[in-house]
PDBML (XML) file of the C-alpha atoms, coordinates in Angstrom:
<?xml version="1.0" encoding="UTF-8" ?>
<PDBx:datablock datablockName="MODEL"
   xmlns:PDBx="http://pdbml.pdb.org/schema/pdbx-v50.xsd"
   xmlns:xsi="http://www.w3.org/2001/XMLSchema-instance"
   xsi:schemaLocation="http://pdbml.pdb.org/schema/pdbx-v50.xsd pdbx-v50.xsd">
   <PDBx:atom_siteCategory>
      <PDBx:atom_site id="1">
         <PDBx:B_iso_or_equiv>0.00</PDBx:B_iso_or_equiv>
         <PDBx:Cartn_x>1.012</PDBx:Cartn_x>
         <PDBx:Cartn_y>-5.780</PDBx:Cartn_y>
         <PDBx:Cartn_z>-0.479</PDBx:Cartn_z>
         <PDBx:auth_asym_id>A</PDBx:auth_asym_id>
         <PDBx:auth_atom_id>CA</PDBx:auth_atom_id>
         <PDBx:auth_comp_id>VAL</PDBx:auth_comp_id>
         <PDBx:auth_seq_id>1</PDBx:auth_seq_id>
         <PDBx:group_PDB>ATOM</PDBx:group_PDB>
         <PDBx:label_alt_id xsi:nil="true" />
         <PDBx:label_asym_id>A</PDBx:label_asym_id>
         <PDBx:label_atom_id>CA</PDBx:label_atom_id>
         <PDBx:label_comp_id>VAL</PDBx:label_comp_id>
         <PDBx:label_entity_id>1</PDBx:label_entity_id>
         <PDBx:label_seq_id>1</PDBx:label_seq_id>
         <PDBx:occupancy>1.00</PDBx:occupancy>
         <PDBx:pdbx_PDB_model_num>1</PDBx:pdbx_PDB_model_num>
         <PDBx:type_symbol>C</PDBx:type_symbol>
      </PDBx:atom_site>
      <PDBx:atom_site id="2">
         <PDBx:B_iso_or_equiv>0.00</PDBx:B_iso_or_equiv>
         <PDBx:Cartn_x>2.291</PDBx:Cartn_x>
         <PDBx:Cartn_y>-4.378</PDBx:Cartn_y>
         <PDBx:Cartn_z>2.609</PDBx:Cartn_z>
         <PDBx:auth_asym_id>A</PDBx:auth_asym_id>
         <PDBx:auth_atom_id>CA</PDBx:auth_atom_id>
         <PDBx:auth_comp_id>ASN</PDBx:auth_comp_id>
         <PDBx:auth_seq_id>2</PDBx:auth_seq_id>
         <PDBx:group_PDB>ATOM</PDBx:group_PDB>
         <PDBx:label_alt_id xsi:nil="true" />
         <PDBx:label_asym_id>A</PDBx:label_asym_id>
         <PDBx:label_atom_id>CA</PDBx:label_atom_id>
         <PDBx:label_comp_id>ASN</PDBx:label_comp_id>
         <PDBx:label_entity_id>1</PDBx:label_entity_id>
         <PDBx:label_seq_id>2</PDBx:label_seq_id>
         <PDBx:occupancy>1.00</PDBx:occupancy>
         <PDBx:pdbx_PDB_model_num>1</PDBx:pdbx_PDB_model_num>
         <PDBx:type_symbol>C</PDBx:type_symbol>
      </PDBx:atom_site>
      <PDBx:atom_site id="3">
         <PDBx:B_iso_or_equiv>0.00</PDBx:B_iso_or_equiv>
         <PDBx:Cartn_x>5.512</PDBx:Cartn_x>
         <PDBx:Cartn_y>-6.029</PDBx:Cartn_y>
         <PDBx:Cartn_z>2.251</PDBx:Cartn_z>
         <PDBx:auth_asym_id>A</PDBx:auth_asym_id>
         <PDBx:auth_atom_id>CA</PDBx:auth_atom_id>
         <PDBx:auth_comp_id>ASP</PDBx:auth_comp_id>
         <PDBx:auth_seq_id>3</PDBx:auth_seq_id>
         <PDBx:group_PDB>ATOM</PDBx:group_PDB>
         <PDBx:label_alt_id xsi:nil="true" />
         <PDBx:label_asym_id>A</PDBx:label_asym_id>
         <PDBx:label_atom_id>CA</PDBx:label_atom_id>
         <PDBx:label_comp_id>ASP</PDBx:label_comp_id>
         <PDBx:label_entity_id>1</PDBx:label_entity_id>
         <PDBx:label_seq_id>3</PDBx:label_seq_id>
         <PDBx:occupancy>1.00</PDBx:occupancy>
         <PDBx:pdbx_PDB_model_num>1</PDBx:pdbx_PDB_model_num>
         <PDBx:type_symbol>C</PDBx:type_symbol>
      </PDBx:atom_site>
      <PDBx:atom_site id="4">
         <PDBx:B_iso_or_equiv>0.00</PDBx:B_iso_or_equiv>
         <PDBx:Cartn_x>6.177</PDBx:Cartn_x>
         <PDBx:Cartn_y>-4.597</PDBx:Cartn_y>
         <PDBx:Cartn_z>-1.024</PDBx:Cartn_z>
         <PDBx:auth_asym_id>A</PDBx:auth_asym_id>
         <PDBx:auth_atom_id>CA</PDBx:auth_atom_id>
         <PDBx:auth_comp_id>ILE</PDBx:auth_comp_id>
         <PDBx:auth_seq_id>4</PDBx:auth_seq_id>
         <PDBx:group_PDB>ATOM</PDBx:group_PDB>
         <PDBx:label_alt_id xsi:nil="true" />
         <PDBx:label_asym_id>A</PDBx:label_asym_id>
         <PDBx:label_atom_id>CA</PDBx:label_atom_id>
         <PDBx:label_comp_id>ILE</PDBx:label_comp_id>
         <PDBx:label_entity_id>1</PDBx:label_entity_id>
         <PDBx:label_seq_id>4</PDBx:label_seq_id>
         <PDBx:occupancy>1.00</PDBx:occupancy>
         <PDBx:pdbx_PDB_model_num>1</PDBx:pdbx_PDB_model_num>
         <PDBx:type_symbol>C</PDBx:type_symbol>
      </PDBx:atom_site>
      <PDBx:atom_site id="5">
         <PDBx:B_iso_or_equiv>0.00</PDBx:B_iso_or_equiv>
         <PDBx:Cartn_x>4.904</PDBx:Cartn_x>
         <PDBx:Cartn_y>-1.070</PDBx:Cartn_y>
         <PDBx:Cartn_z>-0.388</PDBx:Cartn_z>
         <PDBx:auth_asym_id>A</PDBx:auth_asym_id>
         <PDBx:auth_atom_id>CA</PDBx:auth_atom_id>
         <PDBx:auth_comp_id>VAL</PDBx:auth_comp_id>
         <PDBx:auth_seq_id>5</PDBx:auth_seq_id>
         <PDBx:group_PDB>ATOM</PDBx:group_PDB>
         <PDBx:label_alt_id xsi:nil="true" />
         <PDBx:label_asym_id>A</PDBx:label_asym_id>
         <PDBx:label_atom_id>CA</PDBx:label_atom_id>
         <PDBx:label_comp_id>VAL</PDBx:label_comp_id>
         <PDBx:label_entity_id>1</PDBx:label_entity_id>
         <PDBx:label_seq_id>5</PDBx:label_seq_id>
         <PDBx:occupancy>1.00</PDBx:occupancy>
         <PDBx:pdbx_PDB_model_num>1</PDBx:pdbx_PDB_model_num>
         <PDBx:type_symbol>C</PDBx:type_symbol>
      </PDBx:atom_site>
      <PDBx:atom_site id="6">
         <PDBx:B_iso_or_equiv>0.00</PDBx:B_iso_or_equiv>
         <PDBx:Cartn_x>6.458</PDBx:Cartn_x>
         <PDBx:Cartn_y>-0.541</PDBx:Cartn_y>
         <PDBx:Cartn_z>3.112</PDBx:Cartn_z>
         <PDBx:auth_asym_id>A</PDBx:auth_asym_id>
         <PDBx:auth_atom_id>CA</PDBx:auth_atom_id>
         <PDBx:auth_comp_id>THR</PDBx:auth_comp_id>
         <PDBx:auth_seq_id>6</PDBx:auth_seq_id>
         <PDBx:group_PDB>ATOM</PDBx:group_PDB>
         <PDBx:label_alt_id xsi:nil="true" />
         <PDBx:label_asym_id>A</PDBx:label_asym_id>
         <PDBx:label_atom_id>CA</PDBx:label_atom_id>
         <PDBx:label_comp_id>THR</PDBx:label_comp_id>
         <PDBx:label_entity_id>1</PDBx:label_entity_id>
         <PDBx:label_seq_id>6</PDBx:label_seq_id>
         <PDBx:occupancy>1.00</PDBx:occupancy>
         <PDBx:pdbx_PDB_model_num>1</PDBx:pdbx_PDB_model_num>
         <PDBx:type_symbol>C</PDBx:type_symbol>
      </PDBx:atom_site>
      <PDBx:atom_site id="7">
         <PDBx:B_iso_or_equiv>0.00</PDBx:B_iso_or_equiv>
         <PDBx:Cartn_x>9.983</PDBx:Cartn_x>
         <PDBx:Cartn_y>0.772</PDBx:Cartn_y>
         <PDBx:Cartn_z>1.866</PDBx:Cartn_z>
         <PDBx:auth_asym_id>A</PDBx:auth_asym_id>
         <PDBx:auth_atom_id>CA</PDBx:auth_atom_id>
         <PDBx:auth_comp_id>PRO</PDBx:auth_comp_id>
         <PDBx:auth_seq_id>7</PDBx:auth_seq_id>
         <PDBx:group_PDB>ATOM</PDBx:group_PDB>
         <PDBx:label_alt_id xsi:nil="true" />
         <PDBx:label_asym_id>A</PDBx:label_asym_id>
         <PDBx:label_atom_id>CA</PDBx:label_atom_id>
         <PDBx:label_comp_id>PRO</PDBx:label_comp_id>
         <PDBx:label_entity_id>1</PDBx:label_entity_id>
         <PDBx:label_seq_id>7</PDBx:label_seq_id>
         <PDBx:occupancy>1.00</PDBx:occupancy>
         <PDBx:pdbx_PDB_model_num>1</PDBx:pdbx_PDB_model_num>
         <PDBx:type_symbol>C</PDBx:type_symbol>
      </PDBx:atom_site>
      <PDBx:atom_site id="8">
         <PDBx:B_iso_or_equiv>0.00</PDBx:B_iso_or_equiv>
         <PDBx:Cartn_x>8.257</PDBx:Cartn_x>
         <PDBx:Cartn_y>3.500</PDBx:Cartn_y>
         <PDBx:Cartn_z>-0.571</PDBx:Cartn_z>
         <PDBx:auth_asym_id>A</PDBx:auth_asym_id>
         <PDBx:auth_atom_id>CA</PDBx:auth_atom_id>
         <PDBx:auth_comp_id>TYR</PDBx:auth_comp_id>
         <PDBx:auth_seq_id>8</PDBx:auth_seq_id>
         <PDBx:group_PDB>ATOM</PDBx:group_PDB>
         <PDBx:label_alt_id xsi:nil="true" />
         <PDBx:label_asym_id>A</PDBx:label_asym_id>
         <PDBx:label_atom_id>CA</PDBx:label_atom_id>
         <PDBx:label_comp_id>TYR</PDBx:label_comp_id>
         <PDBx:label_entity_id>1</PDBx:label_entity_id>
         <PDBx:label_seq_id>8</PDBx:label_seq_id>
         <PDBx:occupancy>1.00</PDBx:occupancy>
         <PDBx:pdbx_PDB_model_num>1</PDBx:pdbx_PDB_model_num>
         <PDBx:type_symbol>C</PDBx:type_symbol>
      </PDBx:atom_site>
      <PDBx:atom_site id="9">
         <PDBx:B_iso_or_equiv>0.00</PDBx:B_iso_or_equiv>
         <PDBx:Cartn_x>8.385</PDBx:Cartn_x>
         <PDBx:Cartn_y>6.868</PDBx:Cartn_y>
         <PDBx:Cartn_z>1.020</PDBx:Cartn_z>
         <PDBx:auth_asym_id>A</PDBx:auth_asym_id>
         <PDBx:auth_atom_id>CA</PDBx:auth_atom_id>
         <PDBx:auth_comp_id>ASP</PDBx:auth_comp_id>
         <PDBx:auth_seq_id>9</PDBx:auth_seq_id>
         <PDBx:group_PDB>ATOM</PDBx:group_PDB>
         <PDBx:label_alt_id xsi:nil="true" />
         <PDBx:label_asym_id>A</PDBx:label_asym_id>
         <PDBx:label_atom_id>CA</PDBx:label_atom_id>
         <PDBx:label_comp_id>ASP</PDBx:label_comp_id>
         <PDBx:label_entity_id>1</PDBx:label_entity_id>
         <PDBx:label_seq_id>9</PDBx:label_seq_id>
         <PDBx:occupancy>1.00</PDBx:occupancy>
         <PDBx:pdbx_PDB_model_num>1</PDBx:pdbx_PDB_model_num>
         <PDBx:type_symbol>C</PDBx:type_symbol>
      </PDBx:atom_site>
      <PDBx:atom_site id="10">
         <PDBx:B_iso_or_equiv>0.00</PDBx:B_iso_or_equiv>
         <PDBx:Cartn_x>4.491</PDBx:Cartn_x>
         <PDBx:Cartn_y>7.317</PDBx:Cartn_y>
         <PDBx:Cartn_z>1.091</PDBx:Cartn_z>
         <PDBx:auth_asym_id>A</PDBx:auth_asym_id>
         <PDBx:auth_atom_id>CA</PDBx:auth_atom_id>
         <PDBx:auth_comp_id>LEU</PDBx:auth_comp_id>
         <PDBx:auth_seq_id>10</PDBx:auth_seq_id>
         <PDBx:group_PDB>ATOM</PDBx:group_PDB>
         <PDBx:label_alt_id xsi:nil="true" />
         <PDBx:label_asym_id>A</PDBx:label_asym_id>
         <PDBx:label_atom_id>CA</PDBx:label_atom_id>
         <PDBx:label_comp_id>LEU</PDBx:label_comp_id>
         <PDBx:label_entity_id>1</PDBx:label_entity_id>
         <PDBx:label_seq_id>10</PDBx:label_seq_id>
         <PDBx:occupancy>1.00</PDBx:occupancy>
         <PDBx:pdbx_PDB_model_num>1</PDBx:pdbx_PDB_model_num>
         <PDBx:type_symbol>C</PDBx:type_symbol>
      </PDBx:atom_site>
      <PDBx:atom_site id="11">
         <PDBx:B_iso_or_equiv>0.00</PDBx:B_iso_or_equiv>
         <PDBx:Cartn_x>2.012</PDBx:Cartn_x>
         <PDBx:Cartn_y>8.495</PDBx:Cartn_y>
         <PDBx:Cartn_z>3.746</PDBx:Cartn_z>
         <PDBx:auth_asym_id>A</PDBx:auth_asym_id>
         <PDBx:auth_atom_id>CA</PDBx:auth_atom_id>
         <PDBx:auth_comp_id>PRO</PDBx:auth_comp_id>
         <PDBx:auth_seq_id>11</PDBx:auth_seq_id>
         <PDBx:group_PDB>ATOM</PDBx:group_PDB>
         <PDBx:label_alt_id xsi:nil="true" />
         <PDBx:label_asym_id>A</PDBx:label_asym_id>
         <PDBx:label_atom_id>CA</PDBx:label_atom_id>
         <PDBx:label_comp_id>PRO</PDBx:label_comp_id>
         <PDBx:label_entity_id>1</PDBx:label_entity_id>
         <PDBx:label_seq_id>11</PDBx:label_seq_id>
         <PDBx:occupancy>1.00</PDBx:occupancy>
         <PDBx:pdbx_PDB_model_num>1</PDBx:pdbx_PDB_model_num>
         <PDBx:type_symbol>C</PDBx:type_symbol>
      </PDBx:atom_site>
      <PDBx:atom_site id="12">
         <PDBx:B_iso_or_equiv>0.00</PDBx:B_iso_or_equiv>
         <PDBx:Cartn_x>0.277</PDBx:Cartn_x>
         <PDBx:Cartn_y>5.762</PDBx:Cartn_y>
         <PDBx:Cartn_z>5.717</PDBx:Cartn_z>
         <PDBx:auth_asym_id>A</PDBx:auth_asym_id>
         <PDBx:auth_atom_id>CA</PDBx:auth_atom_id>
         <PDBx:auth_comp_id>TYR</PDBx:auth_comp_id>
         <PDBx:auth_seq_id>12</PDBx:auth_seq_id>
         <PDBx:group_PDB>ATOM</PDBx:group_PDB>
         <PDBx:label_alt_id xsi:nil="true" />
         <PDBx:label_asym_id>A</PDBx:label_asym_id>
         <PDBx:label_atom_id>CA</PDBx:label_atom_id>
         <PDBx:label_comp_id>TYR</PDBx:label_comp_id>
         <PDBx:label_entity_id>1</PDBx:label_entity_id>
         <PDBx:label_seq_id>12</PDBx:label_seq_id>
         <PDBx:occupancy>1.00</PDBx:occupancy>
         <PDBx:pdbx_PDB_model_num>1</PDBx:pdbx_PDB_model_num>
         <PDBx:type_symbol>C</PDBx:type_symbol>
      </PDBx:atom_site>
      <PDBx:atom_site id="13">
         <PDBx:B_iso_or_equiv>0.00</PDBx:B_iso_or_equiv>
         <PDBx:Cartn_x>-3.035</PDBx:Cartn_x>
         <PDBx:Cartn_y>6.799</PDBx:Cartn_y>
         <PDBx:Cartn_z>4.121</PDBx:Cartn_z>
         <PDBx:auth_asym_id>A</PDBx:auth_asym_id>
         <PDBx:auth_atom_id>CA</PDBx:auth_atom_id>
         <PDBx:auth_comp_id>GLN</PDBx:auth_comp_id>
         <PDBx:auth_seq_id>13</PDBx:auth_seq_id>
         <PDBx:group_PDB>ATOM</PDBx:group_PDB>
         <PDBx:label_alt_id xsi:nil="true" />
         <PDBx:label_asym_id>A</PDBx:label_asym_id>
         <PDBx:label_atom_id>CA</PDBx:label_atom_id>
         <PDBx:label_comp_id>GLN</PDBx:label_comp_id>
         <PDBx:label_entity_id>1</PDBx:label_entity_id>
         <PDBx:label_seq_id>13</PDBx:label_seq_id>
         <PDBx:occupancy>1.00</PDBx:occupancy>
         <PDBx:pdbx_PDB_model_num>1</PDBx:pdbx_PDB_model_num>
         <PDBx:type_symbol>C</PDBx:type_symbol>
      </PDBx:atom_site>
      <PDBx:atom_site id="14">
         <PDBx:B_iso_or_equiv>0.00</PDBx:B_iso_or_equiv>
         <PDBx:Cartn_x>-1.737</PDBx:Cartn_x>
         <PDBx:Cartn_y>5.990</PDBx:Cartn_y>
         <PDBx:Cartn_z>0.752</PDBx:Cartn_z>
         <PDBx:auth_asym_id>A</PDBx:auth_asym_id>
         <PDBx:auth_atom_id>CA</PDBx:auth_atom_id>
         <PDBx:auth_comp_id>ALA</PDBx:auth_comp_id>
         <PDBx:auth_seq_id>14</PDBx:auth_seq_id>
         <PDBx:group_PDB>ATOM</PDBx:group_PDB>
         <PDBx:label_alt_id xsi:nil="true" />
         <PDBx:label_asym_id>A</PDBx:label_asym_id>
         <PDBx:label_atom_id>CA</PDBx:label_atom_id>
         <PDBx:label_comp_id>ALA</PDBx:label_comp_id>
         <PDBx:label_entity_id>1</PDBx:label_entity_id>
         <PDBx:label_seq_id>14</PDBx:label_seq_id>
         <PDBx:occupancy>1.00</PDBx:occupancy>
         <PDBx:pdbx_PDB_model_num>1</PDBx:pdbx_PDB_model_num>
         <PDBx:type_symbol>C</PDBx:type_symbol>
      </PDBx:atom_site>
      <PDBx:atom_site id="15">
         <PDBx:B_iso_or_equiv>0.00</PDBx:B_iso_or_equiv>
         <PDBx:Cartn_x>-0.090</PDBx:Cartn_x>
         <PDBx:Cartn_y>2.744</PDBx:Cartn_y>
         <PDBx:Cartn_z>1.800</PDBx:Cartn_z>
         <PDBx:auth_asym_id>A</PDBx:auth_asym_id>
         <PDBx:auth_atom_id>CA</PDBx:auth_atom_id>
         <PDBx:auth_comp_id>LYS</PDBx:auth_comp_id>
         <PDBx:auth_seq_id>15</PDBx:auth_seq_id>
         <PDBx:group_PDB>ATOM</PDBx:group_PDB>
         <PDBx:label_alt_id xsi:nil="true" />
         <PDBx:label_asym_id>A</PDBx:label_asym_id>
         <PDBx:label_atom_id>CA</PDBx:label_atom_id>
         <PDBx:label_comp_id>LYS</PDBx:label_comp_id>
         <PDBx:label_entity_id>1</PDBx:label_entity_id>
         <PDBx:label_seq_id>15</PDBx:label_seq_id>
         <PDBx:occupancy>1.00</PDBx:occupancy>
         <PDBx:pdbx_PDB_model_num>1</PDBx:pdbx_PDB_model_num>
         <PDBx:type_symbol>C</PDBx:type_symbol>
      </PDBx:atom_site>
      <PDBx:atom_site id="16">
         <PDBx:B_iso_or_equiv>0.00</PDBx:B_iso_or_equiv>
         <PDBx:Cartn_x>-3.457</PDBx:Cartn_x>
         <PDBx:Cartn_y>1.456</PDBx:Cartn_y>
         <PDBx:Cartn_z>3.499</PDBx:Cartn_z>
         <PDBx:auth_asym_id>A</PDBx:auth_asym_id>
         <PDBx:auth_atom_id>CA</PDBx:auth_atom_id>
         <PDBx:auth_comp_id>ASP</PDBx:auth_comp_id>
         <PDBx:auth_seq_id>16</PDBx:auth_seq_id>
         <PDBx:group_PDB>ATOM</PDBx:group_PDB>
         <PDBx:label_alt_id xsi:nil="true" />
         <PDBx:label_asym_id>A</PDBx:label_asym_id>
         <PDBx:label_atom_id>CA</PDBx:label_atom_id>
         <PDBx:label_comp_id>ASP</PDBx:label_comp_id>
         <PDBx:label_entity_id>1</PDBx:label_entity_id>
         <PDBx:label_seq_id>16</PDBx:label_seq_id>
         <PDBx:occupancy>1.00</PDBx:occupancy>
         <PDBx:pdbx_PDB_model_num>1</PDBx:pdbx_PDB_model_num>
         <PDBx:type_symbol>C</PDBx:type_symbol>
      </PDBx:atom_site>
      <PDBx:atom_site id="17">
         <PDBx:B_iso_or_equiv>0.00</PDBx:B_iso_or_equiv>
         <PDBx:Cartn_x>-5.225</PDBx:Cartn_x>
         <PDBx:Cartn_y>2.517</PDBx:Cartn_y>
         <PDBx:Cartn_z>0.218</PDBx:Cartn_z>
         <PDBx:auth_asym_id>A</PDBx:auth_asym_id>
         <PDBx:auth_atom_id>CA</PDBx:auth_atom_id>
         <PDBx:auth_comp_id>ALA</PDBx:auth_comp_id>
         <PDBx:auth_seq_id>17</PDBx:auth_seq_id>
         <PDBx:group_PDB>ATOM</PDBx:group_PDB>
         <PDBx:label_alt_id xsi:nil="true" />
         <PDBx:label_asym_id>A</PDBx:label_asym_id>
         <PDBx:label_atom_id>CA</PDBx:label_atom_id>
         <PDBx:label_comp_id>ALA</PDBx:label_comp_id>
         <PDBx:label_entity_id>1</PDBx:label_entity_id>
         <PDBx:label_seq_id>17</PDBx:label_seq_id>
         <PDBx:occupancy>1.00</PDBx:occupancy>
         <PDBx:pdbx_PDB_model_num>1</PDBx:pdbx_PDB_model_num>
         <PDBx:type_symbol>C</PDBx:type_symbol>
      </PDBx:atom_site>
      <PDBx:atom_site id="18">
         <PDBx:B_iso_or_equiv>0.00</PDBx:B_iso_or_equiv>
         <PDBx:Cartn_x>-3.049</PDBx:Cartn_x>
         <PDBx:Cartn_y>0.296</PDBx:Cartn_y>
         <PDBx:Cartn_z>-1.811</PDBx:Cartn_z>
         <PDBx:auth_asym_id>A</PDBx:auth_asym_id>
         <PDBx:auth_atom_id>CA</PDBx:auth_atom_id>
         <PDBx:auth_comp_id>LEU</PDBx:auth_comp_id>
         <PDBx:auth_seq_id>18</PDBx:auth_seq_id>
         <PDBx:group_PDB>ATOM</PDBx:group_PDB>
         <PDBx:label_alt_id xsi:nil="true" />
         <PDBx:label_asym_id>A</PDBx:label_asym_id>
         <PDBx:label_atom_id>CA</PDBx:label_atom_id>
         <PDBx:label_comp_id>LEU</PDBx:label_comp_id>
         <PDBx:label_entity_id>1</PDBx:label_entity_id>
         <PDBx:label_seq_id>18</PDBx:label_seq_id>
         <PDBx:occupancy>1.00</PDBx:occupancy>
         <PDBx:pdbx_PDB_model_num>1</PDBx:pdbx_PDB_model_num>
         <PDBx:type_symbol>C</PDBx:type_symbol>
      </PDBx:atom_site>
      <PDBx:atom_site id="19">
         <PDBx:B_iso_or_equiv>0.00</PDBx:B_iso_or_equiv>
         <PDBx:Cartn_x>-3.313</PDBx:Cartn_x>
         <PDBx:Cartn_y>-2.642</PDBx:Cartn_y>
         <PDBx:Cartn_z>0.598</PDBx:Cartn_z>
         <PDBx:auth_asym_id>A</PDBx:auth_asym_id>
         <PDBx:auth_atom_id>CA</PDBx:auth_atom_id>
         <PDBx:auth_comp_id>LYS</PDBx:auth_comp_id>
         <PDBx:auth_seq_id>19</PDBx:auth_seq_id>
         <PDBx:group_PDB>ATOM</PDBx:group_PDB>
         <PDBx:label_alt_id xsi:nil="true" />
         <PDBx:label_asym_id>A</PDBx:label_asym_id>
         <PDBx:label_atom_id>CA</PDBx:label_atom_id>
         <PDBx:label_comp_id>LYS</PDBx:label_comp_id>
         <PDBx:label_entity_id>1</PDBx:label_entity_id>
         <PDBx:label_seq_id>19</PDBx:label_seq_id>
         <PDBx:occupancy>1.00</PDBx:occupancy>
         <PDBx:pdbx_PDB_model_num>1</PDBx:pdbx_PDB_model_num>
         <PDBx:type_symbol>C</PDBx:type_symbol>
      </PDBx:atom_site>
      <PDBx:atom_site id="20">
         <PDBx:B_iso_or_equiv>0.00</PDBx:B_iso_or_equiv>
         <PDBx:Cartn_x>-6.958</PDBx:Cartn_x>
         <PDBx:Cartn_y>-2.587</PDBx:Cartn_y>
         <PDBx:Cartn_z>0.074</PDBx:Cartn_z>
         <PDBx:auth_asym_id>A</PDBx:auth_asym_id>
         <PDBx:auth_atom_id>CA</PDBx:auth_atom_id>
         <PDBx:auth_comp_id>SER</PDBx:auth_comp_id>
         <PDBx:auth_seq_id>20</PDBx:auth_seq_id>
         <PDBx:group_PDB>ATOM</PDBx:group_PDB>
         <PDBx:label_alt_id xsi:nil="true" />
         <PDBx:label_asym_id>A</PDBx:label_asym_id>
         <PDBx:label_atom_id>CA</PDBx:label_atom_id>
         <PDBx:label_comp_id>SER</PDBx:label_comp_id>
         <PDBx:label_entity_id>1</PDBx:label_entity_id>
         <PDBx:label_seq_id>20</PDBx:label_seq_id>
         <PDBx:occupancy>1.00</PDBx:occupancy>
         <PDBx:pdbx_PDB_model_num>1</PDBx:pdbx_PDB_model_num>
         <PDBx:type_symbol>C</PDBx:type_symbol>
      </PDBx:atom_site>
      <PDBx:atom_site id="21">
         <PDBx:B_iso_or_equiv>0.00</PDBx:B_iso_or_equiv>
         <PDBx:Cartn_x>-6.958</PDBx:Cartn_x>
         <PDBx:Cartn_y>-1.758</PDBx:Cartn_y>
         <PDBx:Cartn_z>-3.745</PDBx:Cartn_z>
         <PDBx:auth_asym_id>A</PDBx:auth_asym_id>
         <PDBx:auth_atom_id>CA</PDBx:auth_atom_id>
         <PDBx:auth_comp_id>TYR</PDBx:auth_comp_id>
         <PDBx:auth_seq_id>21</PDBx:auth_seq_id>
         <PDBx:group_PDB>ATOM</PDBx:group_PDB>
         <PDBx:label_alt_id xsi:nil="true" />
         <PDBx:label_asym_id>A</PDBx:label_asym_id>
         <PDBx:label_atom_id>CA</PDBx:label_atom_id>
         <PDBx:label_comp_id>TYR</PDBx:label_comp_id>
         <PDBx:label_entity_id>1</PDBx:label_entity_id>
         <PDBx:label_seq_id>21</PDBx:label_seq_id>
         <PDBx:occupancy>1.00</PDBx:occupancy>
         <PDBx:pdbx_PDB_model_num>1</PDBx:pdbx_PDB_model_num>
         <PDBx:type_symbol>C</PDBx:type_symbol>
      </PDBx:atom_site>
      <PDBx:atom_site id="22">
         <PDBx:B_iso_or_equiv>0.00</PDBx:B_iso_or_equiv>
         <PDBx:Cartn_x>-4.006</PDBx:Cartn_x>
         <PDBx:Cartn_y>-4.060</PDBx:Cartn_y>
         <PDBx:Cartn_z>-5.231</PDBx:Cartn_z>
         <PDBx:auth_asym_id>A</PDBx:auth_asym_id>
         <PDBx:auth_atom_id>CA</PDBx:auth_atom_id>
         <PDBx:auth_comp_id>VAL</PDBx:auth_comp_id>
         <PDBx:auth_seq_id>22</PDBx:auth_seq_id>
         <PDBx:group_PDB>ATOM</PDBx:group_PDB>
         <PDBx:label_alt_id xsi:nil="true" />
         <PDBx:label_asym_id>A</PDBx:label_asym_id>
         <PDBx:label_atom_id>CA</PDBx:label_atom_id>
         <PDBx:label_comp_id>VAL</PDBx:label_comp_id>
         <PDBx:label_entity_id>1</PDBx:label_entity_id>
         <PDBx:label_seq_id>22</PDBx:label_seq_id>
         <PDBx:occupancy>1.00</PDBx:occupancy>
         <PDBx:pdbx_PDB_model_num>1</PDBx:pdbx_PDB_model_num>
         <PDBx:type_symbol>C</PDBx:type_symbol>
      </PDBx:atom_site>
      <PDBx:atom_site id="23">
         <PDBx:B_iso_or_equiv>0.00</PDBx:B_iso_or_equiv>
         <PDBx:Cartn_x>-5.693</PDBx:Cartn_x>
         <PDBx:Cartn_y>-7.401</PDBx:Cartn_y>
         <PDBx:Cartn_z>-3.986</PDBx:Cartn_z>
         <PDBx:auth_asym_id>A</PDBx:auth_asym_id>
         <PDBx:auth_atom_id>CA</PDBx:auth_atom_id>
         <PDBx:auth_comp_id>PRO</PDBx:auth_comp_id>
         <PDBx:auth_seq_id>23</PDBx:auth_seq_id>
         <PDBx:group_PDB>ATOM</PDBx:group_PDB>
         <PDBx:label_alt_id xsi:nil="true" />
         <PDBx:label_asym_id>A</PDBx:label_asym_id>
         <PDBx:label_atom_id>CA</PDBx:label_atom_id>
         <PDBx:label_comp_id>PRO</PDBx:label_comp_id>
         <PDBx:label_entity_id>1</PDBx:label_entity_id>
         <PDBx:label_seq_id>23</PDBx:label_seq_id>
         <PDBx:occupancy>1.00</PDBx:occupancy>
         <PDBx:pdbx_PDB_model_num>1</PDBx:pdbx_PDB_model_num>
         <PDBx:type_symbol>C</PDBx:type_symbol>
      </PDBx:atom_site>
      <PDBx:atom_site id="24">
         <PDBx:B_iso_or_equiv>0.00</PDBx:B_iso_or_equiv>
         <PDBx:Cartn_x>-8.951</PDBx:Cartn_x>
         <PDBx:Cartn_y>-6.329</PDBx:Cartn_y>
         <PDBx:Cartn_z>-5.911</PDBx:Cartn_z>
         <PDBx:auth_asym_id>A</PDBx:auth_asym_id>
         <PDBx:auth_atom_id>CA</PDBx:auth_atom_id>
         <PDBx:auth_comp_id>LYS</PDBx:auth_comp_id>
         <PDBx:auth_seq_id>24</PDBx:auth_seq_id>
         <PDBx:group_PDB>ATOM</PDBx:group_PDB>
         <PDBx:label_alt_id xsi:nil="true" />
         <PDBx:label_asym_id>A</PDBx:label_asym_id>
         <PDBx:label_atom_id>CA</PDBx:label_atom_id>
         <PDBx:label_comp_id>LYS</PDBx:label_comp_id>
         <PDBx:label_entity_id>1</PDBx:label_entity_id>
         <PDBx:label_seq_id>24</PDBx:label_seq_id>
         <PDBx:occupancy>1.00</PDBx:occupancy>
         <PDBx:pdbx_PDB_model_num>1</PDBx:pdbx_PDB_model_num>
         <PDBx:type_symbol>C</PDBx:type_symbol>
      </PDBx:atom_site>
      <PDBx:atom_site id="25">
         <PDBx:B_iso_or_equiv>0.00</PDBx:B_iso_or_equiv>
         <PDBx:Cartn_x>-7.287</PDBx:Cartn_x>
         <PDBx:Cartn_y>-5.346</PDBx:Cartn_y>
         <PDBx:Cartn_z>-9.327</PDBx:Cartn_z>
         <PDBx:auth_asym_id>A</PDBx:auth_asym_id>
         <PDBx:auth_atom_id>CA</PDBx:auth_atom_id>
         <PDBx:auth_comp_id>LEU</PDBx:auth_comp_id>
         <PDBx:auth_seq_id>25</PDBx:auth_seq_id>
         <PDBx:group_PDB>ATOM</PDBx:group_PDB>
         <PDBx:label_alt_id xsi:nil="true" />
         <PDBx:label_asym_id>A</PDBx:label_asym_id>
         <PDBx:label_atom_id>CA</PDBx:label_atom_id>
         <PDBx:label_comp_id>LEU</PDBx:label_comp_id>
         <PDBx:label_entity_id>1</PDBx:label_entity_id>
         <PDBx:label_seq_id>25</PDBx:label_seq_id>
         <PDBx:occupancy>1.00</PDBx:occupancy>
         <PDBx:pdbx_PDB_model_num>1</PDBx:pdbx_PDB_model_num>
         <PDBx:type_symbol>C</PDBx:type_symbol>
      </PDBx:atom_site>
   </PDBx:atom_siteCategory>
</PDBx:datablock>
């Protein structure tokens, strides 16, 4: 997930949440 979301213009708090959330989907 980190490899995919890193280029996005998002705050680190949102990227960290995505890294935890997406694998659970």
